[in-house]
């Protein structure tokens, strides 16, 4: 399943979006392909204790999709699709889930604005 999702997301990885916008793009693509997921808001905590507001996508089976943590934490941060327990000593601290679906309008806006 991860390989299929990686293939679906590949055309969008270079979008100049931060975590909130990119999680919306990911969510829209997954919805369009019938893949169950949750868009999550919370914090990511680095090994040195620094904390940053963050948004990511979670899949059933304890997997995270996160392609934006490195924007703020550098190359040591988790990147891609990975198990929650394989986060390179970074802690994902969820505070809630978005329940609304991303509209086609928002998806197109996010993909074309940059």
PDB file of N, CA and C in Angstrom:
ATOM      1  N   UNK A   1       0.821  -1.199   0.000  1.00  0.00           N
ATOM      2  CA  UNK A   1       0.000   0.000   0.000  1.00  0.00           C
ATOM      3  C   UNK A   1       0.864   1.262   0.000  1.00  0.00           C
ATOM      4  N   UNK A   2       1.955   1.258   0.776  1.00  0.00           N
ATOM      5  CA  UNK A   2       2.815   2.443   0.832  1.00  0.00           C
ATOM      6  C   UNK A   2       3.392   2.793  -0.526  1.00  0.00           C
ATOM      7  N   UNK A   3       3.775   1.776  -1.303  1.00  0.00           N
ATOM      8  CA  UNK A   3       4.345   2.037  -2.631  1.00  0.00           C
ATOM      9  C   UNK A   3       3.315   2.693  -3.545  1.00  0.00           C
ATOM     10  N   UNK A   4       2.055   2.248  -3.443  1.00  0.00           N
ATOM     11  CA  UNK A   4       0.989   2.843  -4.253  1.00  0.00           C
ATOM     12  C   UNK A   4       0.790   4.306  -3.863  1.00  0.00           C
ATOM     13  N   UNK A   5       0.776   4.586  -2.577  1.00  0.00           N
ATOM     14  CA  UNK A   5       0.582   5.957  -2.103  1.00  0.00           C
ATOM     15  C   UNK A   5       1.768   6.830  -2.509  1.00  0.00           C
ATOM     16  N   UNK A   6       2.976   6.325  -2.368  1.00  0.00           N
ATOM     17  CA  UNK A   6       4.153   7.090  -2.786  1.00  0.00           C
ATOM     18  C   UNK A   6       4.060   7.463  -4.257  1.00  0.00           C
ATOM     19  N   UNK A   7       3.610   6.535  -5.080  1.00  0.00           N
ATOM     20  CA  UNK A   7       3.457   6.803  -6.517  1.00  0.00           C
ATOM     21  C   UNK A   7       2.403   7.883  -6.764  1.00  0.00           C
ATOM     22  N   UNK A   8       1.290   7.819  -6.014  1.00  0.00           N
ATOM     23  CA  UNK A   8       0.236   8.827  -6.156  1.00  0.00           C
ATOM     24  C   UNK A   8       0.712  10.216  -5.743  1.00  0.00           C
ATOM     25  N   UNK A   9       1.554  10.284  -4.722  1.00  0.00           N
ATOM     26  CA  UNK A   9       1.992  11.571  -4.175  1.00  0.00           C
ATOM     27  C   UNK A   9       3.185  12.175  -4.906  1.00  0.00           C
ATOM     28  N   UNK A  10       3.945  11.356  -5.596  1.00  0.00           N
ATOM     29  CA  UNK A  10       5.190  11.811  -6.225  1.00  0.00           C
ATOM     30  C   UNK A  10       5.046  13.104  -7.036  1.00  0.00           C
ATOM     31  N   UNK A  11       4.008  13.274  -7.854  1.00  0.00           N
ATOM     32  CA  UNK A  11       3.905  14.507  -8.645  1.00  0.00           C
ATOM     33  C   UNK A  11       3.717  15.774  -7.792  1.00  0.00           C
ATOM     34  N   UNK A  12       3.385  15.622  -6.517  1.00  0.00           N
ATOM     35  CA  UNK A  12       3.056  16.771  -5.681  1.00  0.00           C
ATOM     36  C   UNK A  12       4.134  17.099  -4.651  1.00  0.00           C
ATOM     37  N   UNK A  13       5.173  16.293  -4.571  1.00  0.00           N
ATOM     38  CA  UNK A  13       6.177  16.453  -3.517  1.00  0.00           C
ATOM     39  C   UNK A  13       6.926  17.774  -3.599  1.00  0.00           C
ATOM     40  N   UNK A  14       7.067  18.333  -4.780  1.00  0.00           N
ATOM     41  CA  UNK A  14       7.829  19.570  -4.931  1.00  0.00           C
ATOM     42  C   UNK A  14       6.982  20.836  -4.765  1.00  0.00           C
ATOM     43  N   UNK A  15       5.701  20.670  -4.462  1.00  0.00           N
ATOM     44  CA  UNK A  15       4.872  21.847  -4.220  1.00  0.00           C
ATOM     45  C   UNK A  15       5.453  22.647  -3.057  1.00  0.00           C
ATOM     46  N   UNK A  16       5.441  23.946  -3.197  1.00  0.00           N
ATOM     47  CA  UNK A  16       5.984  24.828  -2.171  1.00  0.00           C
ATOM     48  C   UNK A  16       4.912  25.099  -1.106  1.00  0.00           C
ATOM     49  N   UNK A  17       4.558  24.031  -0.389  1.00  0.00           N
ATOM     50  CA  UNK A  17       3.530  24.109   0.640  1.00  0.00           C
ATOM     51  C   UNK A  17       4.099  23.667   1.973  1.00  0.00           C
ATOM     52  N   UNK A  18       3.619  24.275   3.033  1.00  0.00           N
ATOM     53  CA  UNK A  18       3.991  23.832   4.365  1.00  0.00           C
ATOM     54  C   UNK A  18       3.073  22.680   4.765  1.00  0.00           C
ATOM     55  N   UNK A  19       3.180  22.241   6.007  1.00  0.00           N
ATOM     56  CA  UNK A  19       2.489  21.025   6.443  1.00  0.00           C
ATOM     57  C   UNK A  19       0.969  21.113   6.310  1.00  0.00           C
ATOM     58  N   UNK A  20       0.389  22.267   6.585  1.00  0.00           N
ATOM     59  CA  UNK A  20      -1.072  22.368   6.528  1.00  0.00           C
ATOM     60  C   UNK A  20      -1.589  22.218   5.104  1.00  0.00           C
ATOM     61  N   UNK A  21      -0.981  22.923   4.167  1.00  0.00           N
ATOM     62  CA  UNK A  21      -1.392  22.813   2.774  1.00  0.00           C
ATOM     63  C   UNK A  21      -1.083  21.451   2.186  1.00  0.00           C
ATOM     64  N   UNK A  22       0.101  20.929   2.502  1.00  0.00           N
ATOM     65  CA  UNK A  22       0.462  19.636   1.921  1.00  0.00           C
ATOM     66  C   UNK A  22      -0.400  18.515   2.483  1.00  0.00           C
ATOM     67  N   UNK A  23      -0.773  18.583   3.763  1.00  0.00           N
ATOM     68  CA  UNK A  23      -1.647  17.539   4.312  1.00  0.00           C
ATOM     69  C   UNK A  23      -3.016  17.571   3.627  1.00  0.00           C
ATOM     70  N   UNK A  24      -3.456  18.746   3.216  1.00  0.00           N
ATOM     71  CA  UNK A  24      -4.721  18.849   2.473  1.00  0.00           C
ATOM     72  C   UNK A  24      -4.587  18.196   1.103  1.00  0.00           C
ATOM     73  N   UNK A  25      -3.483  18.448   0.410  1.00  0.00           N
ATOM     74  CA  UNK A  25      -3.239  17.829  -0.898  1.00  0.00           C
ATOM     75  C   UNK A  25      -3.215  16.306  -0.760  1.00  0.00           C
ATOM     76  N   UNK A  26      -2.482  15.812   0.225  1.00  0.00           N
ATOM     77  CA  UNK A  26      -2.402  14.363   0.456  1.00  0.00           C
ATOM     78  C   UNK A  26      -3.791  13.796   0.732  1.00  0.00           C
ATOM     79  N   UNK A  27      -4.547  14.458   1.596  1.00  0.00           N
ATOM     80  CA  UNK A  27      -5.875  13.982   1.959  1.00  0.00           C
ATOM     81  C   UNK A  27      -6.797  13.912   0.744  1.00  0.00           C
ATOM     82  N   UNK A  28      -6.765  14.935  -0.091  1.00  0.00           N
ATOM     83  CA  UNK A  28      -7.597  14.944  -1.295  1.00  0.00           C
ATOM     84  C   UNK A  28      -7.242  13.762  -2.205  1.00  0.00           C
ATOM     85  N   UNK A  29      -5.948  13.549  -2.430  1.00  0.00           N
ATOM     86  CA  UNK A  29      -5.509  12.456  -3.300  1.00  0.00           C
ATOM     87  C   UNK A  29      -5.937  11.107  -2.729  1.00  0.00           C
ATOM     88  N   UNK A  30      -5.766  10.928  -1.432  1.00  0.00           N
ATOM     89  CA  UNK A  30      -6.165   9.663  -0.810  1.00  0.00           C
ATOM     90  C   UNK A  30      -7.676   9.467  -0.907  1.00  0.00           C
ATOM     91  N   UNK A  31      -8.453  10.520  -0.665  1.00  0.00           N
ATOM     92  CA  UNK A  31      -9.915  10.422  -0.805  1.00  0.00           C
ATOM     93  C   UNK A  31     -10.301  10.009  -2.218  1.00  0.00           C
ATOM     94  N   UNK A  32      -9.667  10.618  -3.212  1.00  0.00           N
ATOM     95  CA  UNK A  32      -9.988  10.319  -4.612  1.00  0.00           C
ATOM     96  C   UNK A  32      -9.665   8.878  -4.983  1.00  0.00           C
ATOM     97  N   UNK A  33      -8.788   8.261  -4.216  1.00  0.00           N
ATOM     98  CA  UNK A  33      -8.377   6.878  -4.492  1.00  0.00           C
ATOM     99  C   UNK A  33      -8.947   5.889  -3.489  1.00  0.00           C
ATOM    100  N   UNK A  34      -9.901   6.346  -2.672  1.00  0.00           N
ATOM    101  CA  UNK A  34     -10.588   5.462  -1.732  1.00  0.00           C
ATOM    102  C   UNK A  34      -9.697   4.905  -0.631  1.00  0.00           C
ATOM    103  N   UNK A  35      -8.682   5.656  -0.247  1.00  0.00           N
ATOM    104  CA  UNK A  35      -7.750   5.193   0.787  1.00  0.00           C
ATOM    105  C   UNK A  35      -8.101   5.864   2.113  1.00  0.00           C
ATOM    106  N   UNK A  36      -8.454   5.053   3.103  1.00  0.00           N
ATOM    107  CA  UNK A  36      -8.840   5.562   4.418  1.00  0.00           C
ATOM    108  C   UNK A  36      -7.641   6.223   5.110  1.00  0.00           C
ATOM    109  N   UNK A  37      -7.892   7.374   5.730  1.00  0.00           N
ATOM    110  CA  UNK A  37      -6.823   8.125   6.380  1.00  0.00           C
ATOM    111  C   UNK A  37      -7.434   9.170   7.310  1.00  0.00           C
ATOM    112  N   UNK A  38      -6.562   9.813   8.067  1.00  0.00           N
ATOM    113  CA  UNK A  38      -6.964  10.889   8.975  1.00  0.00           C
ATOM    114  C   UNK A  38      -5.973  12.032   8.824  1.00  0.00           C
ATOM    115  N   UNK A  39      -6.487  13.241   8.695  1.00  0.00           N
ATOM    116  CA  UNK A  39      -5.631  14.430   8.691  1.00  0.00           C
ATOM    117  C   UNK A  39      -5.518  14.893  10.135  1.00  0.00           C
ATOM    118  N   UNK A  40      -4.296  14.983  10.653  1.00  0.00           N
ATOM    119  CA  UNK A  40      -4.060  15.190  12.080  1.00  0.00           C
ATOM    120  C   UNK A  40      -3.360  16.521  12.321  1.00  0.00           C
ATOM    121  N   UNK A  41      -3.735  17.177  13.401  1.00  0.00           N
ATOM    122  CA  UNK A  41      -3.080  18.405  13.852  1.00  0.00           C
ATOM    123  C   UNK A  41      -2.516  18.150  15.242  1.00  0.00           C
ATOM    124  N   UNK A  42      -1.344  18.697  15.494  1.00  0.00           N
ATOM    125  CA  UNK A  42      -0.725  18.541  16.808  1.00  0.00           C
ATOM    126  C   UNK A  42       0.647  19.168  16.823  1.00  0.00           C
ATOM    127  N   UNK A  43       1.547  18.532  17.539  1.00  0.00           N
ATOM    128  CA  UNK A  43       2.927  19.003  17.642  1.00  0.00           C
ATOM    129  C   UNK A  43       3.870  17.883  17.241  1.00  0.00           C
ATOM    130  N   UNK A  44       5.030  18.281  16.774  1.00  0.00           N
ATOM    131  CA  UNK A  44       6.123  17.333  16.601  1.00  0.00           C
ATOM    132  C   UNK A  44       7.242  17.812  17.523  1.00  0.00           C
ATOM    133  N   UNK A  45       7.792  16.882  18.266  1.00  0.00           N
ATOM    134  CA  UNK A  45       8.822  17.207  19.246  1.00  0.00           C
ATOM    135  C   UNK A  45      10.128  16.553  18.806  1.00  0.00           C
ATOM    136  N   UNK A  46      11.148  17.384  18.653  1.00  0.00           N
ATOM    137  CA  UNK A  46      12.462  16.906  18.215  1.00  0.00           C
ATOM    138  C   UNK A  46      13.215  16.278  19.387  1.00  0.00           C
ATOM    139  N   UNK A  47      14.257  15.502  19.083  1.00  0.00           N
ATOM    140  CA  UNK A  47      15.037  14.879  20.153  1.00  0.00           C
ATOM    141  C   UNK A  47      15.625  15.876  21.153  1.00  0.00           C
ATOM    142  N   UNK A  48      15.883  17.118  20.713  1.00  0.00           N
ATOM    143  CA  UNK A  48      16.430  18.124  21.630  1.00  0.00           C
ATOM    144  C   UNK A  48      15.346  18.816  22.461  1.00  0.00           C
ATOM    145  N   UNK A  49      14.083  18.402  22.270  1.00  0.00           N
ATOM    146  CA  UNK A  49      12.977  18.957  23.039  1.00  0.00           C
ATOM    147  C   UNK A  49      12.254  20.120  22.380  1.00  0.00           C
ATOM    148  N   UNK A  50      12.792  20.642  21.274  1.00  0.00           N
ATOM    149  CA  UNK A  50      12.091  21.730  20.592  1.00  0.00           C
ATOM    150  C   UNK A  50      10.793  21.198  19.994  1.00  0.00           C
ATOM    151  N   UNK A  51       9.773  22.032  20.059  1.00  0.00           N
ATOM    152  CA  UNK A  51       8.424  21.634  19.646  1.00  0.00           C
ATOM    153  C   UNK A  51       7.914  22.580  18.572  1.00  0.00           C
ATOM    154  N   UNK A  52       7.199  22.020  17.598  1.00  0.00           N
ATOM    155  CA  UNK A  52       6.648  22.811  16.506  1.00  0.00           C
ATOM    156  C   UNK A  52       5.220  22.343  16.213  1.00  0.00           C
ATOM    157  N   UNK A  53       4.307  23.302  16.020  1.00  0.00           N
ATOM    158  CA  UNK A  53       2.967  22.977  15.525  1.00  0.00           C
ATOM    159  C   UNK A  53       3.146  22.234  14.206  1.00  0.00           C
ATOM    160  N   UNK A  54       2.316  21.211  13.982  1.00  0.00           N
ATOM    161  CA  UNK A  54       2.500  20.420  12.768  1.00  0.00           C
ATOM    162  C   UNK A  54       1.188  19.762  12.356  1.00  0.00           C
ATOM    163  N   UNK A  55       1.060  19.486  11.077  1.00  0.00           N
ATOM    164  CA  UNK A  55      -0.052  18.714  10.536  1.00  0.00           C
ATOM    165  C   UNK A  55       0.517  17.601   9.675  1.00  0.00           C
ATOM    166  N   UNK A  56      -0.133  16.433   9.757  1.00  0.00           N
ATOM    167  CA  UNK A  56       0.310  15.269   9.004  1.00  0.00           C
ATOM    168  C   UNK A  56      -0.895  14.390   8.719  1.00  0.00           C
ATOM    169  N   UNK A  57      -0.687  13.300   8.013  1.00  0.00           N
ATOM    170  CA  UNK A  57      -1.749  12.360   7.670  1.00  0.00           C
ATOM    171  C   UNK A  57      -1.389  11.007   8.279  1.00  0.00           C
ATOM    172  N   UNK A  58      -2.387  10.353   8.850  1.00  0.00           N
ATOM    173  CA  UNK A  58      -2.190   9.017   9.402  1.00  0.00           C
ATOM    174  C   UNK A  58      -3.035   8.020   8.630  1.00  0.00           C
ATOM    175  N   UNK A  59      -2.466   6.838   8.469  1.00  0.00           N
ATOM    176  CA  UNK A  59      -3.125   5.713   7.810  1.00  0.00           C
ATOM    177  C   UNK A  59      -3.424   4.643   8.840  1.00  0.00           C
ATOM    178  N   UNK A  60      -4.413   3.803   8.602  1.00  0.00           N
ATOM    179  CA  UNK A  60      -4.605   2.653   9.483  1.00  0.00           C
ATOM    180  C   UNK A  60      -3.319   1.820   9.513  1.00  0.00           C
ATOM    181  N   UNK A  61      -3.094   1.151  10.607  1.00  0.00           N
ATOM    182  CA  UNK A  61      -1.890   0.342  10.729  1.00  0.00           C
ATOM    183  C   UNK A  61      -0.712   1.118  11.297  1.00  0.00           C
ATOM    184  N   UNK A  62      -1.014   2.231  11.989  1.00  0.00           N
ATOM    185  CA  UNK A  62       0.042   3.010  12.667  1.00  0.00           C
ATOM    186  C   UNK A  62       1.067   3.614  11.718  1.00  0.00           C
ATOM    187  N   UNK A  63       0.640   4.070  10.552  1.00  0.00           N
ATOM    188  CA  UNK A  63       1.554   4.707   9.609  1.00  0.00           C
ATOM    189  C   UNK A  63       1.270   6.199   9.523  1.00  0.00           C
ATOM    190  N   UNK A  64       2.331   6.950   9.332  1.00  0.00           N
ATOM    191  CA  UNK A  64       2.274   8.399   9.184  1.00  0.00           C
ATOM    192  C   UNK A  64       2.759   8.752   7.782  1.00  0.00           C
ATOM    193  N   UNK A  65       2.104   9.738   7.173  1.00  0.00           N
ATOM    194  CA  UNK A  65       2.592  10.355   5.945  1.00  0.00           C
ATOM    195  C   UNK A  65       3.021  11.763   6.322  1.00  0.00           C
ATOM    196  N   UNK A  66       4.306  12.048   6.187  1.00  0.00           N
ATOM    197  CA  UNK A  66       4.821  13.375   6.528  1.00  0.00           C
ATOM    198  C   UNK A  66       6.002  13.697   5.624  1.00  0.00           C
ATOM    199  N   UNK A  67       5.789  14.660   4.749  1.00  0.00           N
ATOM    200  CA  UNK A  67       6.843  15.118   3.850  1.00  0.00           C
ATOM    201  C   UNK A  67       7.261  16.554   4.157  1.00  0.00           C
ATOM    202  N   UNK A  68       6.865  17.085   5.324  1.00  0.00           N
ATOM    203  CA  UNK A  68       7.168  18.486   5.608  1.00  0.00           C
ATOM    204  C   UNK A  68       7.893  18.751   6.924  1.00  0.00           C
ATOM    205  N   UNK A  69       8.126  17.768   7.752  1.00  0.00           N
ATOM    206  CA  UNK A  69       8.843  18.002   9.017  1.00  0.00           C
ATOM    207  C   UNK A  69      10.258  18.512   8.764  1.00  0.00           C
ATOM    208  N   UNK A  70      10.865  18.114   7.678  1.00  0.00           N
ATOM    209  CA  UNK A  70      12.243  18.532   7.385  1.00  0.00           C
ATOM    210  C   UNK A  70      12.355  20.017   7.064  1.00  0.00           C
ATOM    211  N   UNK A  71      11.243  20.658   6.726  1.00  0.00           N
ATOM    212  CA  UNK A  71      11.271  22.104   6.477  1.00  0.00           C
ATOM    213  C   UNK A  71      11.771  22.849   7.709  1.00  0.00           C
ATOM    214  N   UNK A  72      11.448  22.334   8.860  1.00  0.00           N
ATOM    215  CA  UNK A  72      11.752  23.035  10.111  1.00  0.00           C
ATOM    216  C   UNK A  72      12.832  22.336  10.924  1.00  0.00           C
ATOM    217  N   UNK A  73      12.966  21.026  10.799  1.00  0.00           N
ATOM    218  CA  UNK A  73      13.904  20.284  11.635  1.00  0.00           C
ATOM    219  C   UNK A  73      15.123  19.750  10.879  1.00  0.00           C
ATOM    220  N   UNK A  74      15.178  19.941   9.576  1.00  0.00           N
ATOM    221  CA  UNK A  74      16.334  19.478   8.817  1.00  0.00           C
ATOM    222  C   UNK A  74      16.243  18.000   8.452  1.00  0.00           C
ATOM    223  N   UNK A  75      17.311  17.495   7.873  1.00  0.00           N
ATOM    224  CA  UNK A  75      17.320  16.139   7.318  1.00  0.00           C
ATOM    225  C   UNK A  75      17.241  15.025   8.344  1.00  0.00           C
ATOM    226  N   UNK A  76      17.390  15.346   9.621  1.00  0.00           N
ATOM    227  CA  UNK A  76      17.284  14.288  10.631  1.00  0.00           C
ATOM    228  C   UNK A  76      15.825  13.936  10.933  1.00  0.00           C
ATOM    229  N   UNK A  77      14.893  14.785  10.517  1.00  0.00           N
ATOM    230  CA  UNK A  77      13.468  14.557  10.796  1.00  0.00           C
ATOM    231  C   UNK A  77      12.923  13.433   9.921  1.00  0.00           C
ATOM    232  N   UNK A  78      11.881  12.767  10.396  1.00  0.00           N
ATOM    233  CA  UNK A  78      11.234  11.728   9.572  1.00  0.00           C
ATOM    234  C   UNK A  78      10.724  12.324   8.260  1.00  0.00           C
ATOM    235  N   UNK A  79      10.642  11.479   7.245  1.00  0.00           N
ATOM    236  CA  UNK A  79      10.239  11.969   5.925  1.00  0.00           C
ATOM    237  C   UNK A  79       9.647  10.817   5.128  1.00  0.00           C
ATOM    238  N   UNK A  80       8.462  11.031   4.571  1.00  0.00           N
ATOM    239  CA  UNK A  80       7.849  10.025   3.721  1.00  0.00           C
ATOM    240  C   UNK A  80       6.699   9.322   4.407  1.00  0.00           C
ATOM    241  N   UNK A  81       6.597   8.020   4.184  1.00  0.00           N
ATOM    242  CA  UNK A  81       5.574   7.174   4.785  1.00  0.00           C
ATOM    243  C   UNK A  81       6.298   6.184   5.684  1.00  0.00           C
ATOM    244  N   UNK A  82       5.953   6.184   6.962  1.00  0.00           N
ATOM    245  CA  UNK A  82       6.697   5.377   7.914  1.00  0.00           C
ATOM    246  C   UNK A  82       5.810   4.981   9.089  1.00  0.00           C
ATOM    247  N   UNK A  83       6.234   3.968   9.818  1.00  0.00           N
ATOM    248  CA  UNK A  83       5.528   3.526  11.026  1.00  0.00           C
ATOM    249  C   UNK A  83       5.735   4.548  12.135  1.00  0.00           C
ATOM    250  N   UNK A  84       4.721   4.718  12.981  1.00  0.00           N
ATOM    251  CA  UNK A  84       4.812   5.671  14.092  1.00  0.00           C
ATOM    252  C   UNK A  84       6.013   5.399  14.984  1.00  0.00           C
ATOM    253  N   UNK A  85       6.388   4.152  15.134  1.00  0.00           N
ATOM    254  CA  UNK A  85       7.505   3.838  16.019  1.00  0.00           C
ATOM    255  C   UNK A  85       8.858   3.944  15.318  1.00  0.00           C
ATOM    256  N   UNK A  86       8.884   4.451  14.084  1.00  0.00           N
ATOM    257  CA  UNK A  86      10.125   4.616  13.337  1.00  0.00           C
ATOM    258  C   UNK A  86      10.287   6.084  12.951  1.00  0.00           C
ATOM    259  N   UNK A  87      10.373   6.949  13.961  1.00  0.00           N
ATOM    260  CA  UNK A  87      10.370   8.391  13.724  1.00  0.00           C
ATOM    261  C   UNK A  87      11.687   9.067  14.084  1.00  0.00           C
ATOM    262  N   UNK A  88      12.758   8.301  14.182  1.00  0.00           N
ATOM    263  CA  UNK A  88      14.085   8.866  14.447  1.00  0.00           C
ATOM    264  C   UNK A  88      14.101   9.714  15.718  1.00  0.00           C
ATOM    265  N   UNK A  89      13.454   9.249  16.764  1.00  0.00           N
ATOM    266  CA  UNK A  89      13.404   9.924  18.065  1.00  0.00           C
ATOM    267  C   UNK A  89      12.595  11.219  18.053  1.00  0.00           C
ATOM    268  N   UNK A  90      11.819  11.439  17.018  1.00  0.00           N
ATOM    269  CA  UNK A  90      10.874  12.551  16.997  1.00  0.00           C
ATOM    270  C   UNK A  90       9.546  12.013  17.513  1.00  0.00           C
ATOM    271  N   UNK A  91       8.834  12.843  18.243  1.00  0.00           N
ATOM    272  CA  UNK A  91       7.550  12.417  18.809  1.00  0.00           C
ATOM    273  C   UNK A  91       6.425  13.176  18.133  1.00  0.00           C
ATOM    274  N   UNK A  92       5.460  12.445  17.631  1.00  0.00           N
ATOM    275  CA  UNK A  92       4.249  13.045  17.067  1.00  0.00           C
ATOM    276  C   UNK A  92       3.200  13.077  18.168  1.00  0.00           C
ATOM    277  N   UNK A  93       2.740  14.273  18.496  1.00  0.00           N
ATOM    278  CA  UNK A  93       1.797  14.477  19.588  1.00  0.00           C
ATOM    279  C   UNK A  93       0.474  14.992  19.005  1.00  0.00           C
ATOM    280  N   UNK A  94      -0.431  14.093  18.621  1.00  0.00           N
ATOM    281  CA  UNK A  94      -1.694  14.534  18.013  1.00  0.00           C
ATOM    282  C   UNK A  94      -2.578  15.248  19.027  1.00  0.00           C
ATOM    283  N   UNK A  95      -3.257  16.301  18.540  1.00  0.00           N
ATOM    284  CA  UNK A  95      -4.187  17.041  19.391  1.00  0.00           C
ATOM    285  C   UNK A  95      -5.609  16.983  18.832  1.00  0.00           C
ATOM    286  N   UNK A  96      -5.758  16.526  17.595  1.00  0.00           N
ATOM    287  CA  UNK A  96      -7.081  16.421  16.998  1.00  0.00           C
ATOM    288  C   UNK A  96      -6.998  15.960  15.560  1.00  0.00           C
ATOM    289  N   UNK A  97      -8.168  15.648  15.016  1.00  0.00           N
ATOM    290  CA  UNK A  97      -8.276  15.231  13.619  1.00  0.00           C
ATOM    291  C   UNK A  97      -9.246  16.149  12.905  1.00  0.00           C
ATOM    292  N   UNK A  98      -8.957  16.422  11.654  1.00  0.00           N
ATOM    293  CA  UNK A  98      -9.902  17.150  10.813  1.00  0.00           C
ATOM    294  C   UNK A  98     -10.902  16.152  10.260  1.00  0.00           C
ATOM    295  N   UNK A  99     -12.157  16.486  10.322  1.00  0.00           N
ATOM    296  CA  UNK A  99     -13.178  15.574   9.826  1.00  0.00           C
ATOM    297  C   UNK A  99     -13.729  16.011   8.464  1.00  0.00           C
ATOM    298  N   UNK A 100     -13.467  17.253   8.078  1.00  0.00           N
ATOM    299  CA  UNK A 100     -13.989  17.727   6.793  1.00  0.00           C
ATOM    300  C   UNK A 100     -13.097  17.268   5.643  1.00  0.00           C
ATOM    301  N   UNK A 101     -13.738  16.967   4.539  1.00  0.00           N
ATOM    302  CA  UNK A 101     -12.991  16.578   3.347  1.00  0.00           C
ATOM    303  C   UNK A 101     -12.492  17.831   2.633  1.00  0.00           C
ATOM    304  N   UNK A 102     -11.367  17.693   1.955  1.00  0.00           N
ATOM    305  CA  UNK A 102     -10.794  18.791   1.188  1.00  0.00           C
ATOM    306  C   UNK A 102     -11.529  18.864  -0.142  1.00  0.00           C
ATOM    307  N   UNK A 103     -11.990  20.046  -0.492  1.00  0.00           N
ATOM    308  CA  UNK A 103     -12.735  20.208  -1.742  1.00  0.00           C
ATOM    309  C   UNK A 103     -11.795  20.240  -2.944  1.00  0.00           C
ATOM    310  N   UNK A 104     -12.357  19.954  -4.101  1.00  0.00           N
ATOM    311  CA  UNK A 104     -11.582  20.016  -5.342  1.00  0.00           C
ATOM    312  C   UNK A 104     -11.058  21.436  -5.571  1.00  0.00           C
ATOM    313  N   UNK A 105     -11.865  22.435  -5.216  1.00  0.00           N
ATOM    314  CA  UNK A 105     -11.447  23.825  -5.371  1.00  0.00           C
ATOM    315  C   UNK A 105     -10.182  24.109  -4.567  1.00  0.00           C
ATOM    316  N   UNK A 106     -10.159  23.713  -3.304  1.00  0.00           N
ATOM    317  CA  UNK A 106      -8.984  23.940  -2.449  1.00  0.00           C
ATOM    318  C   UNK A 106      -7.789  23.163  -2.987  1.00  0.00           C
ATOM    319  N   UNK A 107      -8.006  21.918  -3.389  1.00  0.00           N
ATOM    320  CA  UNK A 107      -6.929  21.108  -3.956  1.00  0.00           C
ATOM    321  C   UNK A 107      -6.306  21.810  -5.166  1.00  0.00           C
ATOM    322  N   UNK A 108      -7.138  22.248  -6.099  1.00  0.00           N
ATOM    323  CA  UNK A 108      -6.630  22.911  -7.300  1.00  0.00           C
ATOM    324  C   UNK A 108      -5.935  24.224  -6.959  1.00  0.00           C
ATOM    325  N   UNK A 109      -6.477  24.948  -6.020  1.00  0.00           N
ATOM    326  CA  UNK A 109      -5.860  26.192  -5.584  1.00  0.00           C
ATOM    327  C   UNK A 109      -4.470  25.938  -5.006  1.00  0.00           C
ATOM    328  N   UNK A 110      -4.360  24.949  -4.133  1.00  0.00           N
ATOM    329  CA  UNK A 110      -3.064  24.632  -3.531  1.00  0.00           C
ATOM    330  C   UNK A 110      -2.044  24.142  -4.567  1.00  0.00           C
ATOM    331  N   UNK A 111      -2.516  23.410  -5.546  1.00  0.00           N
ATOM    332  CA  UNK A 111      -1.599  22.856  -6.550  1.00  0.00           C
ATOM    333  C   UNK A 111      -1.199  23.859  -7.618  1.00  0.00           C
ATOM    334  N   UNK A 112      -2.001  24.890  -7.824  1.00  0.00           N
ATOM    335  CA  UNK A 112      -1.703  25.831  -8.903  1.00  0.00           C
ATOM    336  C   UNK A 112      -1.123  27.143  -8.420  1.00  0.00           C
ATOM    337  N   UNK A 113      -1.190  27.399  -7.136  1.00  0.00           N
ATOM    338  CA  UNK A 113      -0.767  28.701  -6.622  1.00  0.00           C
ATOM    339  C   UNK A 113       0.744  28.854  -6.583  1.00  0.00           C
ATOM    340  N   UNK A 114       1.466  27.755  -6.769  1.00  0.00           N
ATOM    341  CA  UNK A 114       2.917  27.851  -6.586  1.00  0.00           C
ATOM    342  C   UNK A 114       3.659  27.345  -7.789  1.00  0.00           C
TER     343      UNK A 114
END
